[in-house]
Protein backbone atom coordinates (compact mmCIF):
# COMPACT_ATOMS: atom_id res chain seq x y z
CA MET A 1 -175.39 -22.03 197.94
CA ARG A 2 -178.52 -20.48 196.30
CA TYR A 3 -181.82 -21.14 195.46
CA GLU A 4 -183.60 -20.56 192.17
CA GLY A 5 -186.78 -21.86 192.40
CA THR A 6 -186.53 -25.75 193.43
CA ASN A 7 -182.87 -25.09 191.70
CA PHE A 8 -179.75 -25.38 193.30
CA LYS A 9 -177.21 -22.73 191.67
CA ASN A 10 -173.60 -22.68 192.65
CA THR A 11 -173.58 -25.51 194.58
CA SER A 12 -170.18 -26.41 196.18
CA LEU A 13 -168.66 -28.71 199.05
CA GLU A 14 -168.14 -25.60 200.97
CA ASP A 15 -171.52 -25.32 201.80
CA LEU A 16 -171.49 -28.30 203.76
CA SER A 17 -170.13 -27.52 207.11
CA GLU A 18 -171.71 -29.24 209.65
CA ARG A 19 -171.13 -32.83 210.33
CA ILE A 20 -174.32 -35.18 211.22
CA SER A 21 -174.88 -39.02 211.79
CA VAL A 22 -177.98 -41.01 210.15
CA ILE A 23 -179.88 -43.64 211.91
CA TYR A 24 -181.44 -46.29 211.70
CA PHE A 25 -182.88 -48.97 213.83
CA GLU A 26 -182.75 -52.49 213.37
CA THR A 27 -186.87 -54.30 214.06
CA GLU A 28 -188.01 -57.30 214.83
CA ARG A 29 -190.81 -59.26 215.99
CA ASN A 30 -191.87 -60.02 220.10
CA THR A 31 -193.93 -62.97 221.19
CA ARG A 32 -197.15 -61.56 219.70
CA GLY A 33 -195.94 -61.00 216.57
CA ASP A 34 -195.77 -57.68 217.11
CA ILE A 35 -192.66 -55.37 214.82
CA VAL A 36 -190.75 -53.48 217.66
CA LYS A 37 -187.24 -51.60 217.42
CA THR A 38 -184.87 -53.17 218.87
CA GLU A 39 -181.33 -51.60 218.59
CA GLU A 40 -180.38 -48.23 217.02
CA LEU A 41 -177.35 -48.05 214.56
CA ILE A 42 -175.41 -45.76 212.77
CA ARG A 43 -176.05 -45.95 208.91
CA CYS A 44 -173.48 -42.95 207.81
CA MET A 45 -171.94 -39.86 208.91
CA VAL A 46 -171.88 -36.88 206.31
CA TRP A 47 -170.92 -33.38 206.11
CA ALA A 48 -174.34 -31.96 205.25
CA GLN A 49 -176.12 -28.04 205.06
CA VAL A 50 -178.25 -27.61 208.02
CA LYS A 51 -180.56 -24.73 207.38
CA PRO A 52 -183.57 -23.77 209.93
CA LEU A 53 -186.68 -23.37 207.86
CA THR A 54 -190.04 -22.60 210.84
CA GLY A 55 -190.25 -22.23 214.27
CA LYS A 56 -194.23 -23.22 216.07
CA ILE A 57 -195.08 -23.21 219.48
CA THR A 58 -198.19 -25.88 220.35
CA ASP A 59 -199.23 -25.08 223.62
CA SER A 60 -202.35 -28.08 223.81
CA ALA A 61 -203.29 -29.56 227.09
CA PRO A 62 -201.05 -31.28 229.19
CA VAL A 63 -198.04 -29.98 226.69
CA LYS A 64 -196.17 -27.24 225.66
CA THR A 65 -194.45 -28.24 222.51
CA ASN A 66 -191.86 -26.13 220.58
CA GLU A 67 -191.16 -27.63 216.88
CA VAL A 68 -188.40 -26.14 215.12
CA THR A 69 -188.27 -27.56 211.10
CA TYR A 70 -184.47 -27.87 209.28
CA ARG A 71 -183.36 -28.42 205.80
CA ILE A 72 -180.82 -30.87 205.24
CA THR A 73 -178.66 -31.29 202.25
CA ILE A 74 -176.17 -33.56 201.67
CA ARG A 75 -173.68 -35.52 199.01
CA HIS A 76 -176.60 -37.61 197.06
CA ARG A 77 -177.08 -40.95 199.19
CA ALA A 78 -179.12 -44.05 197.80
CA ASP A 79 -179.31 -45.35 201.04
CA ILE A 80 -181.20 -42.61 203.22
CA LYS A 81 -184.59 -43.29 204.57
CA PRO A 82 -187.58 -41.84 205.58
CA ASP A 83 -187.55 -43.65 209.20
CA ASP A 84 -184.18 -43.07 209.85
CA GLU A 85 -183.15 -40.05 212.41
CA ILE A 86 -180.77 -37.12 211.99
CA ILE A 87 -178.58 -36.61 214.78
CA TRP A 88 -177.34 -33.35 214.97
CA ARG A 89 -174.89 -31.24 217.34
CA GLY A 90 -176.40 -33.37 220.01
CA LYS A 91 -180.13 -32.93 218.58
CA ARG A 92 -182.31 -35.69 217.45
CA LEU A 93 -184.17 -34.67 214.59
CA LYS A 94 -186.68 -37.42 212.40
CA ILE A 95 -186.93 -37.06 208.93
CA THR A 96 -190.29 -35.22 207.88
CA THR A 97 -190.02 -35.31 204.19
CA PRO A 98 -188.76 -38.44 201.87
CA PRO A 99 -184.86 -37.38 200.57
CA ILE A 100 -184.79 -36.33 197.31
CA ASP A 101 -182.65 -35.83 194.63
CA ILE A 102 -182.03 -32.57 193.79
CA ASN A 103 -182.67 -32.11 189.54
CA SER A 104 -182.21 -35.55 189.29
CA GLN A 105 -178.54 -35.45 188.88
CA HIS A 106 -177.28 -37.53 191.44
CA ILE A 107 -175.27 -34.67 192.82
CA TRP A 108 -177.25 -33.91 195.66
CA THR A 109 -179.97 -34.62 198.15
CA SER A 110 -181.86 -32.94 200.28
CA PHE A 111 -184.82 -33.84 202.84
CA ASP A 112 -186.50 -31.67 206.53
CA CYS A 113 -186.90 -32.81 209.29
CA LYS A 114 -188.26 -31.28 212.62
CA GLU A 115 -187.10 -31.07 216.53
CA ALA A 116 -190.08 -31.73 218.68
CA ILE A 117 -188.69 -29.96 222.19
CA GLN A 118 -191.64 -30.86 224.99
CA ASP A 119 -191.66 -28.15 228.14
CA GLY A 120 -187.88 -27.98 227.52
CA THR A 121 -186.84 -31.72 226.87
CA GLN A 122 -185.95 -33.09 223.58
CA GLY A 123 -188.48 -35.50 223.12
């Protein structure tokens, strides 16, 4: 996959070499009326291209946090929501940008995710 500005050129299915799971949480109201997450469900499992974008170390008291940002590209799906999470290679990634239909052609969907690691554990 080659980028020219915001356009994807020469994209092929061979670029999608990583398997990811998109998960979401069912919610319900508790006795006080607050919305709480109850169950983790798999929305889909798809092939994707996962590219690391940035890495950052935040050293704020009392926890040191390493944060890695990834750009994920998949075949177009309209059912992925910004509050979904991604599981890739045993890592849990939070979607940080809304899924974008690349070039509005319903071929590719792209979004950014971040993985925060605190004191050597995922968080």
